[in-house]
């Protein structure tokens, strides 16, 4: 459980609270998907029998669009709420 404890320490440190850190994580995810698309599609076909078009639409494309949407909105979502 060292991995989980390491994640908890990082969270408690406050490092994950800033918008810049969160944007960097989302950008890294989008970059990872782009760089590893072929391998991900191949694994989904081998492991789950997913056709590449279906796999892209349901897995890679969905995550990519979600990350891109989050990048566009994260600053607004993190803004203090007006009461």
N, C-alpha and C. Protein backbone atom coordinates (compact mmCIF):
# COMPACT_ATOMS: atom_id res chain seq x y z
N UNK A 1 0.81 -1.20 0.00
CA UNK A 1 0.00 0.00 0.00
C UNK A 1 0.85 1.27 0.00
N UNK A 2 2.13 1.12 -0.30
CA UNK A 2 2.99 2.31 -0.35
C UNK A 2 2.52 3.28 -1.41
N UNK A 3 2.04 2.77 -2.53
CA UNK A 3 1.55 3.65 -3.59
C UNK A 3 0.40 4.52 -3.12
N UNK A 4 -0.53 3.92 -2.42
CA UNK A 4 -1.68 4.66 -1.91
C UNK A 4 -1.23 5.69 -0.87
N UNK A 5 -0.33 5.30 -0.01
CA UNK A 5 0.16 6.24 1.01
C UNK A 5 0.91 7.40 0.36
N UNK A 6 1.66 7.12 -0.68
CA UNK A 6 2.35 8.18 -1.41
C UNK A 6 1.36 9.17 -2.02
N UNK A 7 0.27 8.66 -2.56
CA UNK A 7 -0.77 9.53 -3.11
C UNK A 7 -1.39 10.39 -2.02
N UNK A 8 -1.62 9.79 -0.88
CA UNK A 8 -2.21 10.55 0.24
C UNK A 8 -1.27 11.65 0.71
N UNK A 9 0.02 11.35 0.78
CA UNK A 9 1.00 12.36 1.19
C UNK A 9 1.01 13.53 0.20
N UNK A 10 0.99 13.20 -1.07
CA UNK A 10 0.98 14.25 -2.09
C UNK A 10 -0.26 15.13 -1.94
N UNK A 11 -1.40 14.51 -1.74
CA UNK A 11 -2.65 15.27 -1.57
C UNK A 11 -2.57 16.17 -0.33
N UNK A 12 -2.11 15.60 0.78
CA UNK A 12 -2.03 16.38 2.02
C UNK A 12 -1.03 17.53 1.93
N UNK A 13 -0.06 17.41 1.05
CA UNK A 13 0.94 18.47 0.91
C UNK A 13 0.35 19.73 0.29
N UNK A 14 -0.80 19.61 -0.35
CA UNK A 14 -1.43 20.75 -0.99
C UNK A 14 -0.99 20.97 -2.42
N UNK A 15 -0.06 20.16 -2.89
CA UNK A 15 0.49 20.32 -4.24
C UNK A 15 -0.57 20.19 -5.32
N UNK A 16 -1.61 19.43 -5.06
CA UNK A 16 -2.62 19.16 -6.09
C UNK A 16 -3.72 20.22 -6.14
N UNK A 17 -3.66 21.21 -5.28
CA UNK A 17 -4.75 22.19 -5.20
C UNK A 17 -4.71 23.26 -6.29
N UNK A 18 -3.55 23.57 -6.79
CA UNK A 18 -3.42 24.67 -7.74
C UNK A 18 -3.91 24.32 -9.14
N UNK A 19 -4.42 25.32 -9.82
CA UNK A 19 -4.93 25.13 -11.18
C UNK A 19 -3.80 24.73 -12.14
N UNK A 20 -2.61 25.27 -11.96
CA UNK A 20 -1.50 24.94 -12.85
C UNK A 20 -1.14 23.46 -12.77
N UNK A 21 -1.10 22.91 -11.57
CA UNK A 21 -0.79 21.49 -11.39
C UNK A 21 -1.86 20.63 -12.06
N UNK A 22 -3.10 20.99 -11.86
CA UNK A 22 -4.20 20.22 -12.44
C UNK A 22 -4.20 20.29 -13.96
N UNK A 23 -3.92 21.47 -14.50
CA UNK A 23 -3.84 21.60 -15.96
C UNK A 23 -2.69 20.76 -16.51
N UNK A 24 -1.57 20.77 -15.82
CA UNK A 24 -0.42 19.98 -16.26
C UNK A 24 -0.76 18.49 -16.30
N UNK A 25 -1.51 18.02 -15.31
CA UNK A 25 -1.92 16.62 -15.28
C UNK A 25 -2.84 16.29 -16.45
N UNK A 26 -3.78 17.17 -16.73
CA UNK A 26 -4.70 16.95 -17.85
C UNK A 26 -3.96 16.98 -19.19
N UNK A 27 -3.04 17.93 -19.34
CA UNK A 27 -2.24 17.99 -20.58
C UNK A 27 -1.39 16.74 -20.75
N UNK A 28 -0.84 16.25 -19.65
CA UNK A 28 -0.03 15.03 -19.71
C UNK A 28 -0.89 13.84 -20.13
N UNK A 29 -2.12 13.79 -19.67
CA UNK A 29 -3.04 12.72 -20.05
C UNK A 29 -3.34 12.77 -21.54
N UNK A 30 -3.65 13.95 -22.06
CA UNK A 30 -3.94 14.11 -23.49
C UNK A 30 -2.71 13.71 -24.31
N UNK A 31 -1.53 14.13 -23.88
CA UNK A 31 -0.29 13.79 -24.58
C UNK A 31 -0.05 12.28 -24.55
N UNK A 32 -0.27 11.66 -23.40
CA UNK A 32 -0.09 10.21 -23.27
C UNK A 32 -1.01 9.46 -24.24
N UNK A 33 -2.27 9.88 -24.29
CA UNK A 33 -3.22 9.23 -25.19
C UNK A 33 -2.77 9.35 -26.65
N UNK A 34 -2.31 10.53 -27.03
CA UNK A 34 -1.86 10.74 -28.41
C UNK A 34 -0.63 9.89 -28.73
N UNK A 35 0.30 9.83 -27.80
CA UNK A 35 1.55 9.10 -28.04
C UNK A 35 1.37 7.59 -28.00
N UNK A 36 0.33 7.11 -27.33
CA UNK A 36 0.15 5.67 -27.14
C UNK A 36 -1.14 5.14 -27.73
N UNK A 37 -1.74 5.92 -28.62
CA UNK A 37 -3.03 5.54 -29.18
C UNK A 37 -3.01 4.15 -29.82
N UNK A 38 -2.03 3.89 -30.65
CA UNK A 38 -1.96 2.60 -31.35
C UNK A 38 -1.87 1.43 -30.37
N UNK A 39 -1.04 1.57 -29.34
CA UNK A 39 -0.89 0.50 -28.36
C UNK A 39 -2.17 0.30 -27.55
N UNK A 40 -2.83 1.39 -27.21
CA UNK A 40 -4.08 1.29 -26.45
C UNK A 40 -5.14 0.60 -27.29
N UNK A 41 -5.26 1.00 -28.55
CA UNK A 41 -6.25 0.38 -29.44
C UNK A 41 -5.96 -1.11 -29.62
N UNK A 42 -4.70 -1.45 -29.77
CA UNK A 42 -4.32 -2.86 -29.92
C UNK A 42 -4.67 -3.66 -28.67
N UNK A 43 -4.38 -3.10 -27.51
CA UNK A 43 -4.69 -3.80 -26.26
C UNK A 43 -6.20 -3.99 -26.09
N UNK A 44 -6.97 -2.96 -26.43
CA UNK A 44 -8.42 -3.08 -26.30
C UNK A 44 -8.98 -4.12 -27.27
N UNK A 45 -8.36 -4.23 -28.44
CA UNK A 45 -8.81 -5.24 -29.39
C UNK A 45 -8.44 -6.64 -28.90
N UNK A 46 -7.21 -6.80 -28.43
CA UNK A 46 -6.76 -8.11 -27.95
C UNK A 46 -7.48 -8.55 -26.68
N UNK A 47 -7.62 -7.64 -25.73
CA UNK A 47 -8.19 -7.99 -24.43
C UNK A 47 -9.71 -8.05 -24.43
N UNK A 48 -10.34 -7.12 -25.14
CA UNK A 48 -11.80 -7.01 -25.07
C UNK A 48 -12.50 -7.26 -26.40
N UNK A 49 -11.72 -7.47 -27.45
CA UNK A 49 -12.30 -7.70 -28.76
C UNK A 49 -12.95 -6.46 -29.37
N UNK A 50 -12.52 -5.29 -28.93
CA UNK A 50 -13.12 -4.05 -29.43
C UNK A 50 -12.52 -3.67 -30.78
N UNK A 51 -13.38 -3.32 -31.71
CA UNK A 51 -12.94 -2.81 -33.00
C UNK A 51 -12.26 -1.46 -32.75
N UNK A 52 -11.21 -1.13 -33.50
CA UNK A 52 -10.49 0.13 -33.26
C UNK A 52 -11.37 1.38 -33.30
N UNK A 53 -12.35 1.43 -34.19
CA UNK A 53 -13.23 2.60 -34.24
C UNK A 53 -14.07 2.69 -32.97
N UNK A 54 -14.61 1.56 -32.55
CA UNK A 54 -15.40 1.52 -31.31
C UNK A 54 -14.52 1.86 -30.11
N UNK A 55 -13.32 1.32 -30.08
CA UNK A 55 -12.41 1.57 -28.96
C UNK A 55 -12.03 3.04 -28.88
N UNK A 56 -11.75 3.66 -30.04
CA UNK A 56 -11.41 5.08 -30.01
C UNK A 56 -12.59 5.90 -29.51
N UNK A 57 -13.76 5.64 -30.07
CA UNK A 57 -14.95 6.40 -29.70
C UNK A 57 -15.29 6.25 -28.21
N UNK A 58 -15.27 5.02 -27.73
CA UNK A 58 -15.73 4.74 -26.36
C UNK A 58 -14.66 4.93 -25.29
N UNK A 59 -13.42 4.83 -25.65
CA UNK A 59 -12.35 4.87 -24.65
C UNK A 59 -11.46 6.11 -24.84
N UNK A 60 -10.66 6.11 -25.86
CA UNK A 60 -9.68 7.19 -26.05
C UNK A 60 -10.36 8.52 -26.31
N UNK A 61 -11.26 8.55 -27.27
CA UNK A 61 -11.93 9.80 -27.63
C UNK A 61 -12.71 10.40 -26.48
N UNK A 62 -13.38 9.55 -25.73
CA UNK A 62 -14.17 10.01 -24.59
C UNK A 62 -13.28 10.65 -23.52
N UNK A 63 -12.19 9.99 -23.19
CA UNK A 63 -11.27 10.52 -22.18
C UNK A 63 -10.61 11.81 -22.68
N UNK A 64 -10.21 11.81 -23.96
CA UNK A 64 -9.57 13.00 -24.53
C UNK A 64 -10.51 14.20 -24.50
N UNK A 65 -11.74 14.01 -24.96
CA UNK A 65 -12.71 15.11 -24.97
C UNK A 65 -13.00 15.60 -23.56
N UNK A 66 -13.11 14.67 -22.63
CA UNK A 66 -13.37 15.03 -21.24
C UNK A 66 -12.21 15.85 -20.66
N UNK A 67 -10.99 15.45 -20.95
CA UNK A 67 -9.81 16.18 -20.47
C UNK A 67 -9.74 17.56 -21.11
N UNK A 68 -10.02 17.64 -22.41
CA UNK A 68 -10.00 18.94 -23.10
C UNK A 68 -11.08 19.87 -22.55
N UNK A 69 -12.25 19.32 -22.29
CA UNK A 69 -13.34 20.11 -21.70
C UNK A 69 -12.93 20.62 -20.32
N UNK A 70 -12.30 19.75 -19.56
CA UNK A 70 -11.84 20.14 -18.22
C UNK A 70 -10.79 21.24 -18.30
N UNK A 71 -9.88 21.15 -19.27
CA UNK A 71 -8.86 22.19 -19.44
C UNK A 71 -9.49 23.55 -19.71
N UNK A 72 -10.56 23.56 -20.48
CA UNK A 72 -11.23 24.82 -20.81
C UNK A 72 -12.01 25.41 -19.64
N UNK A 73 -12.41 24.56 -18.70
CA UNK A 73 -13.32 25.01 -17.64
C UNK A 73 -12.76 24.95 -16.22
N UNK A 74 -11.60 24.37 -16.04
CA UNK A 74 -11.11 24.11 -14.69
C UNK A 74 -10.95 25.38 -13.85
N UNK A 75 -10.48 26.44 -14.47
CA UNK A 75 -10.29 27.68 -13.72
C UNK A 75 -11.62 28.19 -13.18
N UNK A 76 -12.65 28.14 -14.01
CA UNK A 76 -13.98 28.56 -13.59
C UNK A 76 -14.51 27.63 -12.49
N UNK A 77 -14.30 26.34 -12.65
CA UNK A 77 -14.78 25.38 -11.66
C UNK A 77 -14.09 25.55 -10.31
N UNK A 78 -12.84 26.00 -10.34
CA UNK A 78 -12.08 26.16 -9.10
C UNK A 78 -12.27 27.53 -8.45
N UNK A 79 -12.92 28.44 -9.14
CA UNK A 79 -13.12 29.79 -8.60
C UNK A 79 -13.99 29.72 -7.35
N UNK A 80 -13.71 30.58 -6.38
CA UNK A 80 -14.55 30.61 -5.17
C UNK A 80 -16.00 30.89 -5.55
N UNK A 81 -16.89 30.21 -4.90
CA UNK A 81 -18.31 30.40 -5.17
C UNK A 81 -18.81 31.66 -4.48
N UNK A 82 -19.60 32.43 -5.21
CA UNK A 82 -20.21 33.62 -4.63
C UNK A 82 -21.51 33.21 -3.97
N UNK A 83 -21.69 33.68 -2.77
CA UNK A 83 -22.92 33.31 -2.04
C UNK A 83 -23.88 34.45 -1.96
